[in-house]
Amino acid sequence: MQRVRVFTSAAYGGDLAQLERAVNDWLAADQPQVHQIAQSTVGEHIVLTVLYVEGAEAAQREEAASVEVPEVFERTLDDAELDPSGPPDLTLPELELPY
């Protein structure tokens, strides 16, 4: 479930260093999967609004989304180049045009 967390510099007496520390501490402690951050102002104060999924929920979603590769595919993909470093070959085959 997506959640919202709001931080404001007003809560830290307008001290942006304390606001930054609070946000960093929250990110380190909870390890949320952040979807979006919006910054706005209210008077002279900064407001950060964070849309996120909690760390444990994000890990569960990633586990559910991951799929184990069947052995038959592992054998056939052993020598396959899954991440080619060069650009793909986009040449068209030669053909005769009827003029």
C-alpha atoms as a PDB file:
ATOM      1  CA  MET A   1       0.000   0.000   0.000  1.00  0.00           C
ATOM      2  CA  GLN A   2       1.325   3.430  -0.861  1.00  0.00           C
ATOM      3  CA  ARG A   3       1.820   5.819   2.018  1.00  0.00           C
ATOM      4  CA  VAL A   4       2.526   9.527   2.417  1.00  0.00           C
ATOM      5  CA  ARG A   5       5.039  11.151   4.729  1.00  0.00           C
ATOM      6  CA  VAL A   6       5.350  14.928   5.115  1.00  0.00           C
ATOM      7  CA  PHE A   7       8.392  16.762   6.446  1.00  0.00           C
ATOM      8  CA  THR A   8       8.422  20.504   7.100  1.00  0.00           C
ATOM      9  CA  SER A   9      11.216  22.835   8.090  1.00  0.00           C
ATOM     10  CA  ALA A  10       8.778  24.495  10.521  1.00  0.00           C
ATOM     11  CA  ALA A  11       9.093  21.420  12.759  1.00  0.00           C
ATOM     12  CA  TYR A  12      12.845  22.118  13.028  1.00  0.00           C
ATOM     13  CA  GLY A  13      12.660  25.862  13.572  1.00  0.00           C
ATOM     14  CA  GLY A  14      13.455  26.584   9.929  1.00  0.00           C
ATOM     15  CA  ASP A  15      16.822  24.781  10.167  1.00  0.00           C
ATOM     16  CA  LEU A  16      17.309  23.039   6.828  1.00  0.00           C
ATOM     17  CA  ALA A  17      20.245  20.966   8.122  1.00  0.00           C
ATOM     18  CA  GLN A  18      17.999  19.416  10.787  1.00  0.00           C
ATOM     19  CA  LEU A  19      15.281  18.792   8.181  1.00  0.00           C
ATOM     20  CA  GLU A  20      17.805  17.066   5.922  1.00  0.00           C
ATOM     21  CA  ARG A  21      19.085  14.975   8.843  1.00  0.00           C
ATOM     22  CA  ALA A  22      15.522  13.920   9.741  1.00  0.00           C
ATOM     23  CA  VAL A  23      14.763  12.849   6.163  1.00  0.00           C
ATOM     24  CA  ASN A  24      18.066  10.962   5.850  1.00  0.00           C
ATOM     25  CA  ASP A  25      17.524   9.229   9.206  1.00  0.00           C
ATOM     26  CA  TRP A  26      14.030   8.150   8.160  1.00  0.00           C
ATOM     27  CA  LEU A  27      15.292   6.849   4.801  1.00  0.00           C
ATOM     28  CA  ALA A  28      18.121   4.906   6.490  1.00  0.00           C
ATOM     29  CA  ALA A  29      15.936   3.448   9.249  1.00  0.00           C
ATOM     30  CA  ASP A  30      12.808   2.479   7.292  1.00  0.00           C
ATOM     31  CA  GLN A  31      14.357   1.970   3.832  1.00  0.00           C
ATOM     32  CA  PRO A  32      11.136   2.822   2.011  1.00  0.00           C
ATOM     33  CA  GLN A  33      10.692   2.388  -1.718  1.00  0.00           C
ATOM     34  CA  VAL A  34      10.173   6.035  -2.692  1.00  0.00           C
ATOM     35  CA  HIS A  35       7.851   6.608  -5.648  1.00  0.00           C
ATOM     36  CA  GLN A  36       7.710  10.398  -5.680  1.00  0.00           C
ATOM     37  CA  ILE A  37       8.923  13.419  -3.716  1.00  0.00           C
ATOM     38  CA  ALA A  38       7.358  16.848  -4.044  1.00  0.00           C
ATOM     39  CA  GLN A  39       8.828  20.024  -2.592  1.00  0.00           C
ATOM     40  CA  SER A  40       6.753  23.120  -1.905  1.00  0.00           C
ATOM     41  CA  THR A  41       6.810  26.135   0.336  1.00  0.00           C
ATOM     42  CA  VAL A  42       4.424  27.425   2.953  1.00  0.00           C
ATOM     43  CA  GLY A  43       5.445  30.940   3.834  1.00  0.00           C
ATOM     44  CA  GLU A  44       9.143  30.787   4.597  1.00  0.00           C
ATOM     45  CA  HIS A  45       9.162  27.035   5.311  1.00  0.00           C
ATOM     46  CA  ILE A  46       9.921  24.112   2.995  1.00  0.00           C
ATOM     47  CA  VAL A  47       7.528  21.161   2.875  1.00  0.00           C
ATOM     48  CA  LEU A  48       8.616  17.767   1.507  1.00  0.00           C
ATOM     49  CA  THR A  49       5.871  15.287   0.653  1.00  0.00           C
ATOM     50  CA  VAL A  50       7.032  11.711   0.058  1.00  0.00           C
ATOM     51  CA  LEU A  51       4.926   9.007  -1.609  1.00  0.00           C
ATOM     52  CA  TYR A  52       6.404   5.601  -0.724  1.00  0.00           C
ATOM     53  CA  VAL A  53       5.936   1.918  -0.001  1.00  0.00           C
ATOM     54  CA  GLU A  54       7.367   0.642   3.281  1.00  0.00           C
ATOM     55  CA  GLY A  55      10.569  -1.399   3.107  1.00  0.00           C
ATOM     56  CA  ALA A  56       9.085  -4.765   4.134  1.00  0.00           C
ATOM     57  CA  GLU A  57       6.140  -4.372   1.765  1.00  0.00           C
ATOM     58  CA  ALA A  58       8.473  -3.427  -1.082  1.00  0.00           C
ATOM     59  CA  ALA A  59      10.617  -6.510  -0.427  1.00  0.00           C
ATOM     60  CA  GLN A  60       7.512  -8.726  -0.422  1.00  0.00           C
ATOM     61  CA  ARG A  61       6.383  -7.233  -3.739  1.00  0.00           C
ATOM     62  CA  GLU A  62       9.814  -7.799  -5.264  1.00  0.00           C
ATOM     63  CA  GLU A  63       9.823 -11.421  -4.066  1.00  0.00           C
ATOM     64  CA  ALA A  64       6.368 -12.017  -5.490  1.00  0.00           C
ATOM     65  CA  ALA A  65       7.387 -10.445  -8.804  1.00  0.00           C
ATOM     66  CA  SER A  66      10.607 -12.426  -9.151  1.00  0.00           C
ATOM     67  CA  VAL A  67      10.324 -15.655 -11.075  1.00  0.00           C
ATOM     68  CA  GLU A  68      12.727 -18.555 -10.989  1.00  0.00           C
ATOM     69  CA  VAL A  69      14.153 -19.463 -14.404  1.00  0.00           C
ATOM     70  CA  PRO A  70      13.416 -23.098 -15.332  1.00  0.00           C
ATOM     71  CA  GLU A  71      16.460 -25.319 -15.884  1.00  0.00           C
ATOM     72  CA  VAL A  72      15.704 -25.807 -19.584  1.00  0.00           C
ATOM     73  CA  PHE A  73      16.035 -22.058 -20.171  1.00  0.00           C
ATOM     74  CA  GLU A  74      19.188 -21.848 -18.103  1.00  0.00           C
ATOM     75  CA  ARG A  75      20.824 -24.506 -20.308  1.00  0.00           C
ATOM     76  CA  THR A  76      19.797 -22.811 -23.549  1.00  0.00           C
ATOM     77  CA  LEU A  77      20.725 -19.322 -22.348  1.00  0.00           C
ATOM     78  CA  ASP A  78      24.178 -20.217 -20.997  1.00  0.00           C
ATOM     79  CA  ASP A  79      25.998 -18.863 -24.044  1.00  0.00           C
ATOM     80  CA  ALA A  80      23.410 -16.244 -24.994  1.00  0.00           C
ATOM     81  CA  GLU A  81      24.342 -12.593 -24.921  1.00  0.00           C
ATOM     82  CA  LEU A  82      21.622 -11.114 -22.705  1.00  0.00           C
ATOM     83  CA  ASP A  83      23.073  -7.622 -22.484  1.00  0.00           C
ATOM     84  CA  PRO A  84      24.765  -6.785 -25.777  1.00  0.00           C
ATOM     85  CA  SER A  85      27.102  -3.836 -25.460  1.00  0.00           C
ATOM     86  CA  GLY A  86      26.819  -2.734 -29.079  1.00  0.00           C
ATOM     87  CA  PRO A  87      23.812  -1.253 -30.854  1.00  0.00           C
ATOM     88  CA  PRO A  88      21.338  -3.741 -32.321  1.00  0.00           C
ATOM     89  CA  ASP A  89      21.659  -4.679 -35.980  1.00  0.00           C
ATOM     90  CA  LEU A  90      18.821  -2.829 -37.680  1.00  0.00           C
ATOM     91  CA  THR A  91      19.750  -3.438 -41.318  1.00  0.00           C
ATOM     92  CA  LEU A  92      16.960  -4.426 -43.652  1.00  0.00           C
ATOM     93  CA  PRO A  93      17.290  -7.405 -45.989  1.00  0.00           C
ATOM     94  CA  GLU A  94      18.013  -6.700 -49.653  1.00  0.00           C
ATOM     95  CA  LEU A  95      15.126  -7.219 -52.044  1.00  0.00           C
ATOM     96  CA  GLU A  96      14.290  -6.464 -55.657  1.00  0.00           C
ATOM     97  CA  LEU A  97      11.696  -3.856 -56.341  1.00  0.00           C
ATOM     98  CA  PRO A  98       9.349  -4.471 -59.288  1.00  0.00           C
ATOM     99  CA  TYR A  99       9.856  -1.473 -61.600  1.00  0.00           C
END
